Amino acid sequence: MKSYQIVLFSFVISTSYAQIPNTLTPADKVYGLSKFWQEVNYNFVYINRVDRVKWDSAYRQLITTVQKTENNYQYYRELQKFCAMLHDGHTDVNFPLSIDTSIMLTMFGPYRLFIENIDGKAIIVRTNFSKKDEIPIGSEIIEVNGLPTKEYIRKEVMPYISSSTDYILDDLSIYFLLKGLNGQSFKVKIKKPNDDIINLNLTHAKTKLIDTYPPFDKNWNLLDFKWYPNQIAYLALNTFNDPKIDTLFINQLPELYKAKGLIIDLRNNGGGSTDIGANILKYLTKDSLLYGSKQSSRLHIPAYKAWGEFRQPSDTVKNVENKKEFLSFHDNLFYNFDYSPDTFKLKVRKIVVPTAILIGHNTASAAEDFLIYADNQKHMIKIGDRTYGSTGQPFLFDLPGGGTGRVCTKKDTYPDGREFVGYGIKPDIEVKKTLSDFIQNKDPELDKALEYLSTKLK
């Protein structure tokens, strides 16, 4: 079982904290910091990649810092900044429910702004309908609080985000660019597509008129199905977090049997359960075996660690126990889970036709596991951009004041040992959506898939 969660980060610039509770004692704050530090040291599967001197030094400094935080919000931001040092998308710190995050991201009273990373720029991709002419879609935020956007992000945004890959860190930094508390203000400079410049003072407050332009699709589904020319079927699997999607897929089989080509869209699939995706893939292959990821976790035997302090690399030659002790002391002793492919038999007809799988930065966790299973399928090709680059099994625990922490405990690789966590899964055909594509409402990944399959079906 894999899970995926985008953490709602918050960024401080300058604001009144009167509305934020300060219920945690200095002892509570040190305990929560120490709890997170402890769980990382004991359970984080990638601890061998962490600079332990820097990590422990940061912990010692924070013992004083967290006690001086003015409220629970500031305290949890310090924990998030500490967590970001680990550079892992399945390891994070979440705010307590007592801190209202309902309007932190897009609402600024009369304005609503949705921002995405397009061509490395902070592009406004959606506004409230009443502001669509004042702030056209495709406008770029070029300054925040007097700083160029990239500099502002580097100083005020990136340090609080935990991500396994640099490009997802870039995406999240822009997505959360103007995130903040109710009453928090930002001075922004915006360049319109025609190069006109406007300056706005934006203050977080609830937006009463929430109709957006372009409008959101109100009919979001677990699974979407449609036909394209040449009997090419399009199937969007939008999550593996709800087992109902397997039933929806099976109900669609009579139509899918008519397909001569197939597009599977995973671009908005943030994960869920690996088993759910595997249950669907079984219908899309001639094989009776599916080869998923190899998995490992840290193996902690205290005596090994104690003995390992006195072991040298030369002691490990042809001595298995000495090697385990040496590896344990250096946080490199792992338990490799038994590996075998998934075996299955289906009595129903399969759909094995030329297949294009659309992937991108939002293809994450269990959706990436789906791609591992599909890696050796010769009739399948991946089109789009790199995936999220993070999966695993988080250990969840409570923190003082109602917040929670997660620490990734399991490492996944391809069956042959290739790593994709921290790198993402590469497409076979790379297609990146440009600003021009976005403004013109084009879908270059889908267009490339249709072109590819049409050629294959000739």
Protein backbone atom coordinates (compact mmCIF):
# COMPACT_ATOMS: atom_id res chain seq x y z
CA MET A 1 0.00 0.00 0.00
CA LYS A 2 1.41 3.32 -1.03
CA SER A 3 0.00 6.72 -0.19
CA TYR A 4 0.50 10.14 -1.66
CA GLN A 5 -0.27 13.46 -0.13
CA ILE A 6 0.48 17.01 -1.13
CA VAL A 7 1.20 18.95 2.02
CA LEU A 8 -0.34 22.41 2.26
CA PHE A 9 2.65 24.55 3.17
CA SER A 10 2.40 28.10 4.45
CA PHE A 11 4.81 30.96 4.03
CA VAL A 12 5.36 33.89 6.36
CA ILE A 13 6.13 37.38 5.13
CA SER A 14 4.56 39.82 7.54
CA THR A 15 1.18 39.49 9.19
CA SER A 16 -0.70 39.77 12.46
CA TYR A 17 -0.65 36.51 14.38
CA ALA A 18 -3.45 37.48 16.74
CA GLN A 19 -5.76 34.88 15.24
CA ILE A 20 -3.24 32.05 15.63
CA PRO A 21 -3.25 30.08 18.92
CA ASN A 22 -0.15 29.83 21.07
CA THR A 23 -1.10 26.82 23.15
CA LEU A 24 2.21 24.99 23.14
CA THR A 25 4.61 25.36 26.06
CA PRO A 26 8.37 25.58 25.42
CA ALA A 27 8.61 21.98 26.65
CA ASP A 28 5.91 20.91 24.16
CA LYS A 29 7.81 22.58 21.34
CA VAL A 30 11.11 20.93 22.19
CA TYR A 31 9.36 17.58 22.57
CA GLY A 32 7.72 17.85 19.13
CA LEU A 33 11.02 18.83 17.51
CA SER A 34 12.78 15.96 19.25
CA LYS A 35 10.00 13.53 18.31
CA PHE A 36 10.41 14.36 14.62
CA TRP A 37 14.22 14.21 14.85
CA GLN A 38 14.03 10.85 16.62
CA GLU A 39 11.60 9.25 14.13
CA VAL A 40 13.76 10.41 11.22
CA ASN A 41 16.93 9.02 12.80
CA TYR A 42 15.31 5.69 13.56
CA ASN A 43 12.93 5.16 10.62
CA PHE A 44 13.85 7.33 7.60
CA VAL A 45 14.87 4.94 4.84
CA TYR A 46 17.18 7.46 3.18
CA ILE A 47 19.02 8.54 6.34
CA ASN A 48 22.25 7.27 4.75
CA ARG A 49 21.98 10.17 2.28
CA VAL A 50 21.63 12.82 4.97
CA ASP A 51 24.55 14.94 6.14
CA ARG A 52 24.30 13.85 9.78
CA VAL A 53 26.59 16.58 11.07
CA LYS A 54 24.47 19.28 9.41
CA TRP A 55 21.24 17.54 10.44
CA ASP A 56 22.21 17.24 14.11
CA SER A 57 23.59 20.77 14.17
CA ALA A 58 20.28 22.11 12.86
CA TYR A 59 18.45 20.14 15.56
CA ARG A 60 20.60 21.63 18.32
CA GLN A 61 20.04 25.17 17.04
CA LEU A 62 16.28 24.61 16.78
CA ILE A 63 16.03 23.58 20.43
CA THR A 64 16.43 27.27 21.26
CA THR A 65 14.63 28.62 18.19
CA VAL A 66 11.36 26.69 18.60
CA GLN A 67 10.99 27.77 22.23
CA LYS A 68 10.96 31.41 21.09
CA THR A 69 8.31 30.99 18.37
CA GLU A 70 5.36 33.32 18.95
CA ASN A 71 2.60 30.83 18.18
CA ASN A 72 1.75 27.36 16.90
CA TYR A 73 1.94 28.53 13.28
CA GLN A 74 5.51 29.79 13.55
CA TYR A 75 6.46 26.65 15.44
CA TYR A 76 5.15 24.31 12.76
CA ARG A 77 6.88 26.34 10.06
CA GLU A 78 10.18 25.75 11.83
CA LEU A 79 9.43 22.01 11.82
CA GLN A 80 8.61 22.14 8.10
CA LYS A 81 11.87 23.94 7.36
CA PHE A 82 13.74 21.29 9.37
CA CYS A 83 11.93 18.53 7.46
CA ALA A 84 12.79 20.12 4.10
CA MET A 85 16.46 19.31 4.77
CA LEU A 86 15.60 15.65 4.05
CA HIS A 87 14.54 16.28 0.44
CA ASP A 88 11.84 13.60 0.40
CA GLY A 89 8.32 13.84 -1.00
CA HIS A 90 6.92 11.21 1.37
CA THR A 91 8.35 12.84 4.51
CA ASP A 92 6.63 15.95 5.82
CA VAL A 93 5.05 17.91 8.66
CA ASN A 94 1.37 18.94 8.63
CA PHE A 95 -0.33 21.81 10.43
CA PRO A 96 -2.86 21.16 13.20
CA LEU A 97 -6.53 21.58 12.24
CA SER A 98 -6.68 24.49 14.70
CA ILE A 99 -4.70 26.58 12.17
CA ASP A 100 -7.20 27.63 9.50
CA THR A 101 -5.72 26.95 6.06
CA SER A 102 -8.98 27.39 4.11
CA ILE A 103 -8.01 30.62 2.31
CA MET A 104 -4.21 30.46 2.52
CA LEU A 105 -3.57 29.82 -1.15
CA THR A 106 -5.82 31.47 -3.74
CA MET A 107 -8.24 33.90 -2.05
CA PHE A 108 -7.48 37.62 -1.78
CA GLY A 109 -10.90 39.18 -1.22
CA PRO A 110 -11.89 40.58 -4.64
CA TYR A 111 -9.20 38.48 -6.36
CA ARG A 112 -8.67 34.76 -6.80
CA LEU A 113 -5.39 33.69 -8.34
CA PHE A 114 -4.18 30.22 -9.30
CA ILE A 115 -0.48 29.97 -10.19
CA GLU A 116 1.52 27.24 -11.91
CA ASN A 117 5.04 26.67 -13.11
CA ILE A 118 5.05 27.01 -16.89
CA ASP A 119 8.36 27.34 -18.70
CA GLY A 120 9.98 28.05 -15.31
CA LYS A 121 7.77 31.10 -14.70
CA ALA A 122 5.04 31.87 -12.17
CA ILE A 123 2.07 31.99 -14.53
CA ILE A 124 -1.49 32.87 -13.52
CA VAL A 125 -3.58 30.09 -15.04
CA ARG A 126 -6.98 30.92 -13.54
CA THR A 127 -8.69 33.89 -11.88
CA ASN A 128 -12.15 34.72 -10.65
CA PHE A 129 -14.39 35.54 -13.61
CA SER A 130 -14.73 39.23 -12.70
CA LYS A 131 -10.95 39.75 -13.01
CA LYS A 132 -10.29 37.87 -16.26
CA ASP A 133 -9.80 41.08 -18.25
CA GLU A 134 -7.73 42.86 -15.60
CA ILE A 135 -5.44 39.84 -15.19
CA PRO A 136 -5.49 37.80 -18.41
CA ILE A 137 -4.68 34.12 -18.30
CA GLY A 138 -0.98 33.68 -19.03
CA SER A 139 0.10 36.73 -17.00
CA GLU A 140 3.37 36.28 -15.11
CA ILE A 141 4.15 37.30 -11.53
CA ILE A 142 7.59 38.87 -11.87
CA GLU A 143 8.04 40.41 -8.39
CA VAL A 144 6.82 39.66 -4.87
CA ASN A 145 7.33 42.11 -2.02
CA GLY A 146 9.97 44.01 -3.95
CA LEU A 147 12.04 40.98 -4.93
CA PRO A 148 12.26 39.25 -8.32
CA THR A 149 10.05 36.19 -8.11
CA LYS A 150 12.91 33.69 -8.32
CA GLU A 151 14.84 35.44 -5.57
CA TYR A 152 11.74 35.66 -3.39
CA ILE A 153 11.11 31.93 -3.89
CA ARG A 154 14.69 31.07 -3.03
CA LYS A 155 14.56 33.04 0.23
CA GLU A 156 10.97 32.69 1.42
CA VAL A 157 9.39 29.62 -0.18
CA MET A 158 11.78 26.82 -1.13
CA PRO A 159 13.33 26.37 2.33
CA TYR A 160 9.99 25.10 3.67
CA ILE A 161 9.18 22.49 1.02
CA SER A 162 10.19 18.85 1.21
CA SER A 163 10.57 17.30 -2.24
CA SER A 164 12.45 14.36 -3.71
CA THR A 165 13.20 16.11 -7.03
CA ASP A 166 14.36 19.59 -8.01
CA TYR A 167 11.70 20.05 -10.67
CA ILE A 168 8.85 19.23 -8.27
CA LEU A 169 10.42 21.64 -5.79
CA ASP A 170 10.22 24.28 -8.53
CA ASP A 171 6.57 23.40 -9.22
CA LEU A 172 5.53 23.53 -5.57
CA SER A 173 7.45 26.74 -4.92
CA ILE A 174 5.46 28.50 -7.61
CA TYR A 175 2.17 26.83 -6.71
CA PHE A 176 2.55 28.01 -3.09
CA LEU A 177 4.10 31.35 -4.03
CA LEU A 178 1.39 33.53 -2.43
CA LYS A 179 0.33 31.19 0.32
CA GLY A 180 -0.31 32.78 3.69
CA LEU A 181 -2.62 33.47 6.60
CA ASN A 182 -5.86 35.41 6.65
CA GLY A 183 -4.87 39.08 6.63
CA GLN A 184 -1.39 38.50 5.23
CA SER A 185 -0.46 40.90 2.43
CA PHE A 186 1.71 40.69 -0.67
CA LYS A 187 2.87 43.36 -3.08
CA VAL A 188 3.09 41.78 -6.52
CA LYS A 189 4.15 43.00 -9.93
CA ILE A 190 2.44 41.24 -12.84
CA LYS A 191 3.40 41.23 -16.51
CA LYS A 192 0.50 40.61 -18.87
CA PRO A 193 0.87 38.60 -22.09
CA ASN A 194 1.01 41.93 -24.01
CA ASP A 195 3.94 43.02 -21.74
CA ASP A 196 1.88 45.63 -19.85
CA ILE A 197 2.84 45.84 -16.16
CA ILE A 198 0.40 46.13 -13.26
CA ASN A 199 1.06 46.34 -9.52
CA LEU A 200 -1.32 44.88 -6.97
CA ASN A 201 -1.53 44.84 -3.19
CA LEU A 202 -3.12 41.50 -2.31
CA THR A 203 -4.39 40.59 1.16
CA HIS A 204 -5.65 37.13 2.03
CA ALA A 205 -9.37 37.25 2.73
CA LYS A 206 -12.30 35.08 1.73
CA THR A 207 -13.46 35.62 -1.85
CA LYS A 208 -17.26 35.74 -2.03
CA LEU A 209 -17.60 35.29 -5.79
CA ILE A 210 -15.85 32.02 -6.50
CA ASP A 211 -16.71 31.50 -10.20
CA THR A 212 -13.41 31.04 -11.97
CA TYR A 213 -12.14 31.64 -15.48
CA PRO A 214 -11.50 29.27 -17.08
CA PRO A 215 -14.06 27.31 -15.03
CA PHE A 216 -13.06 24.16 -13.24
CA ASP A 217 -14.48 20.90 -14.53
CA LYS A 218 -17.29 20.24 -12.08
CA ASN A 219 -17.58 16.65 -13.22
CA TRP A 220 -14.30 15.30 -11.90
CA ASN A 221 -14.41 11.52 -12.02
CA LEU A 222 -12.30 8.66 -10.76
CA LEU A 223 -12.25 7.42 -14.35
CA ASP A 224 -12.93 9.22 -17.63
CA PHE A 225 -13.56 7.51 -20.95
CA LYS A 226 -13.99 8.84 -24.49
CA TRP A 227 -13.35 7.90 -28.10
CA TYR A 228 -11.00 9.48 -30.62
CA PRO A 229 -10.74 8.79 -34.37
CA ASN A 230 -9.31 5.49 -35.61
CA GLN A 231 -11.01 3.65 -32.74
CA ILE A 232 -8.56 5.02 -30.21
CA ALA A 233 -9.97 4.80 -26.70
CA TYR A 234 -8.99 7.36 -24.06
CA LEU A 235 -8.97 6.26 -20.43
CA ALA A 236 -8.04 8.66 -17.63
CA LEU A 237 -7.25 6.91 -14.34
CA ASN A 238 -7.32 9.90 -12.01
CA THR A 239 -6.50 8.20 -8.71
CA PHE A 240 -5.63 4.85 -7.19
CA ASN A 241 -6.88 6.01 -3.81
CA ASP A 242 -10.41 4.65 -4.21
CA PRO A 243 -11.01 0.96 -4.99
CA LYS A 244 -14.19 1.90 -6.85
CA ILE A 245 -12.05 2.74 -9.85
CA ASP A 246 -11.42 -0.98 -10.42
CA THR A 247 -15.16 -1.60 -10.68
CA LEU A 248 -15.57 1.39 -13.00
CA PHE A 249 -12.82 -0.01 -15.21
CA ILE A 250 -14.40 -3.46 -15.38
CA ASN A 251 -17.74 -1.88 -16.28
CA GLN A 252 -15.99 -0.16 -19.19
CA LEU A 253 -14.56 -3.40 -20.63
CA PRO A 254 -17.30 -3.96 -23.27
CA GLU A 255 -16.38 -0.61 -24.84
CA LEU A 256 -12.63 -1.09 -24.43
CA TYR A 257 -12.78 -4.38 -26.35
CA LYS A 258 -13.65 -2.30 -29.44
CA ALA A 259 -10.42 -0.29 -29.22
CA LYS A 260 -7.63 -0.63 -31.77
CA GLY A 261 -5.45 1.77 -29.80
CA LEU A 262 -5.51 2.95 -26.18
CA ILE A 263 -4.44 6.07 -24.29
CA ILE A 264 -4.07 5.76 -20.52
CA ASP A 265 -3.85 9.18 -18.88
CA LEU A 266 -2.04 9.17 -15.52
CA ARG A 267 -1.09 12.86 -15.54
CA ASN A 268 -3.42 13.72 -12.64
CA ASN A 269 -3.00 10.49 -10.70
CA GLY A 270 -1.31 11.27 -7.39
CA GLY A 271 -1.29 7.67 -6.18
CA GLY A 272 -3.09 5.65 -3.52
CA SER A 273 -2.91 1.87 -3.46
CA THR A 274 -0.46 0.01 -5.66
CA ASP A 275 -2.81 -2.99 -5.74
CA ILE A 276 -5.62 -0.94 -7.30
CA GLY A 277 -3.45 0.03 -10.26
CA ALA A 278 -2.10 -3.50 -10.64
CA ASN A 279 -5.65 -4.90 -10.79
CA ILE A 280 -6.32 -2.70 -13.81
CA LEU A 281 -3.02 -3.43 -15.56
CA LYS A 282 -3.77 -7.18 -15.46
CA TYR A 283 -6.36 -6.62 -18.17
CA LEU A 284 -3.90 -4.77 -20.40
CA THR A 285 -1.17 -7.39 -20.83
CA LYS A 286 -0.84 -10.86 -22.33
CA ASP A 287 1.37 -11.87 -19.43
CA SER A 288 0.31 -13.80 -16.35
CA LEU A 289 3.10 -12.20 -14.33
CA LEU A 290 3.59 -8.58 -13.31
CA TYR A 291 6.99 -7.42 -12.07
CA GLY A 292 6.59 -4.63 -9.55
CA SER A 293 9.15 -2.67 -7.58
CA LYS A 294 11.75 -4.20 -5.32
CA GLN A 295 11.43 -2.96 -1.76
CA SER A 296 13.74 -2.56 1.19
CA SER A 297 13.76 -0.93 4.60
CA ARG A 298 16.38 -0.16 7.22
CA LEU A 299 17.40 -3.01 9.50
CA HIS A 300 18.28 -1.83 12.98
CA ILE A 301 20.04 -4.22 15.34
CA PRO A 302 21.51 -2.18 18.20
CA ALA A 303 24.32 -4.60 18.98
CA TYR A 304 25.43 -4.56 15.35
CA LYS A 305 25.65 -0.79 15.50
CA ALA A 306 27.71 -0.94 18.69
CA TRP A 307 30.14 -3.48 17.28
CA GLY A 308 30.26 -1.71 13.92
CA GLU A 309 31.91 1.35 15.42
CA PHE A 310 35.10 -0.72 15.71
CA ARG A 311 34.94 -2.35 12.28
CA GLN A 312 37.09 -1.23 9.37
CA PRO A 313 36.30 -1.90 5.69
CA SER A 314 39.08 -4.49 5.65
CA ASP A 315 37.25 -6.41 8.40
CA THR A 316 34.29 -7.00 6.11
CA VAL A 317 36.15 -8.98 3.45
CA LYS A 318 34.71 -12.50 3.36
CA ASN A 319 33.04 -11.95 6.73
CA VAL A 320 29.25 -11.50 6.52
CA GLU A 321 28.69 -10.62 10.18
CA ASN A 322 31.45 -8.01 10.23
CA LYS A 323 29.97 -6.47 7.10
CA LYS A 324 26.52 -6.23 8.70
CA GLU A 325 28.00 -4.58 11.76
CA PHE A 326 29.99 -2.10 9.67
CA LEU A 327 26.94 -1.25 7.53
CA SER A 328 24.72 -0.88 10.58
CA PHE A 329 27.02 1.69 12.18
CA HIS A 330 26.98 3.69 8.93
CA ASP A 331 23.16 3.48 8.50
CA ASN A 332 23.54 1.26 5.44
CA LEU A 333 22.14 -2.03 6.69
CA PHE A 334 18.91 -2.89 4.88
CA TYR A 335 16.31 -5.63 4.96
CA ASN A 336 15.36 -6.65 1.44
CA PHE A 337 11.79 -7.87 1.25
CA ASP A 338 11.19 -11.18 -0.49
CA TYR A 339 10.64 -10.51 -4.15
CA SER A 340 8.48 -12.37 -6.60
CA PRO A 341 6.26 -11.22 -9.46
CA ASP A 342 2.51 -11.00 -9.04
CA THR A 343 0.93 -14.11 -10.54
CA PHE A 344 -2.63 -13.99 -11.84
CA LYS A 345 -5.03 -15.69 -14.21
CA LEU A 346 -7.92 -13.91 -15.90
CA LYS A 347 -10.62 -15.85 -17.67
CA VAL A 348 -11.85 -12.78 -19.52
CA ARG A 349 -10.56 -11.28 -22.75
CA LYS A 350 -7.57 -8.91 -22.48
CA ILE A 351 -7.07 -5.52 -24.16
CA VAL A 352 -3.60 -5.74 -25.68
CA VAL A 353 -3.36 -3.04 -28.34
CA PRO A 354 -0.83 -0.25 -29.03
CA THR A 355 -1.01 1.81 -25.85
CA ALA A 356 0.28 5.28 -24.98
CA ILE A 357 0.54 6.18 -21.29
CA LEU A 358 0.45 9.92 -20.59
CA ILE A 359 2.61 10.92 -17.61
CA GLY A 360 3.80 14.13 -16.00
CA HIS A 361 4.93 15.82 -12.81
CA ASN A 362 1.65 14.97 -11.03
CA THR A 363 2.00 11.25 -11.75
CA ALA A 364 3.08 10.12 -8.31
CA SER A 365 3.55 7.32 -5.80
CA ALA A 366 1.24 4.36 -6.63
CA ALA A 367 0.82 5.74 -10.17
CA GLU A 368 4.59 5.46 -10.52
CA ASP A 369 4.36 1.91 -9.21
CA PHE A 370 1.89 1.24 -12.04
CA LEU A 371 4.58 2.36 -14.49
CA ILE A 372 7.11 0.00 -12.91
CA TYR A 373 4.72 -2.88 -13.55
CA ALA A 374 4.22 -1.68 -17.12
CA ASP A 375 7.91 -1.19 -17.82
CA ASN A 376 8.43 -4.42 -19.76
CA GLN A 377 5.24 -4.20 -21.84
CA LYS A 378 6.40 -3.84 -25.44
CA HIS A 379 3.03 -2.56 -26.69
CA MET A 380 3.12 0.35 -24.22
CA ILE A 381 4.96 3.66 -24.53
CA LYS A 382 5.20 6.57 -22.09
CA ILE A 383 4.57 10.10 -23.42
CA GLY A 384 4.86 13.41 -21.57
CA ASP A 385 7.17 14.65 -18.82
CA ARG A 386 9.01 13.09 -15.87
CA THR A 387 6.92 11.78 -13.01
CA TYR A 388 6.83 13.08 -9.43
CA GLY A 389 9.73 10.87 -8.32
CA SER A 390 8.52 9.85 -4.88
CA THR A 391 6.92 6.73 -3.46
CA GLY A 392 7.23 4.57 -0.36
CA GLN A 393 5.46 3.75 2.88
CA PRO A 394 5.23 6.67 5.32
CA PHE A 395 5.15 6.15 9.09
CA LEU A 396 2.62 8.59 10.55
CA PHE A 397 2.80 10.02 14.07
CA ASP A 398 1.23 12.78 16.15
CA LEU A 399 2.95 16.01 17.10
CA PRO A 400 2.05 18.44 19.90
CA GLY A 401 -0.97 20.65 19.34
CA GLY A 402 -2.69 18.37 16.84
CA GLY A 403 -0.18 18.36 14.00
CA THR A 404 1.21 15.24 12.36
CA GLY A 405 4.46 14.04 10.85
CA ARG A 406 5.29 11.46 8.20
CA VAL A 407 8.58 9.67 7.64
CA CYS A 408 9.22 7.46 4.62
CA THR A 409 10.25 3.98 5.77
CA LYS A 410 10.51 2.01 2.52
CA LYS A 411 12.69 2.27 -0.56
CA ASP A 412 11.34 1.17 -3.95
CA THR A 413 13.35 0.53 -7.12
CA TYR A 414 12.85 -1.11 -10.47
CA PRO A 415 13.19 -4.91 -10.32
CA ASP A 416 16.76 -4.59 -11.68
CA GLY A 417 17.71 -2.05 -9.01
CA ARG A 418 17.36 1.14 -11.07
CA GLU A 419 16.24 4.04 -8.89
CA PHE A 420 13.38 6.37 -9.74
CA VAL A 421 12.73 8.00 -6.35
CA GLY A 422 14.60 11.29 -6.51
CA TYR A 423 14.78 11.17 -10.31
CA GLY A 424 11.29 10.51 -11.65
CA ILE A 425 10.35 8.06 -14.37
CA LYS A 426 11.37 9.32 -17.79
CA PRO A 427 8.95 9.28 -20.71
CA ASP A 428 9.89 7.41 -23.87
CA ILE A 429 8.74 10.46 -25.85
CA GLU A 430 9.24 13.74 -24.00
CA VAL A 431 6.61 16.43 -24.50
CA LYS A 432 6.49 19.61 -22.41
CA LYS A 433 3.53 21.97 -22.35
CA THR A 434 4.57 25.54 -23.15
CA LEU A 435 2.96 28.84 -22.19
CA SER A 436 1.69 29.20 -25.75
CA ASP A 437 0.06 25.76 -25.49
CA PHE A 438 -1.59 26.76 -22.25
CA ILE A 439 -2.96 30.07 -23.52
CA GLN A 440 -4.31 28.39 -26.65
CA ASN A 441 -5.76 25.53 -24.56
CA LYS A 442 -3.70 22.92 -26.42
CA ASP A 443 -2.81 19.49 -25.07
CA PRO A 444 0.48 18.59 -26.77
CA GLU A 445 0.91 15.32 -24.83
CA LEU A 446 -2.48 14.04 -25.94
CA ASP A 447 -1.84 15.26 -29.49
CA LYS A 448 1.46 13.37 -29.58
CA ALA A 449 -0.21 10.20 -28.28
CA LEU A 450 -2.91 10.39 -30.97
CA GLU A 451 -0.27 10.99 -33.63
CA TYR A 452 1.83 8.07 -32.40
CA LEU A 453 -1.08 5.62 -32.21
CA SER A 454 -2.52 6.69 -35.57
CA THR A 455 0.86 5.91 -37.15
CA LYS A 456 1.02 2.53 -35.41
CA LEU A 457 -2.48 1.62 -36.61
CA LYS A 458 -1.85 2.30 -40.30
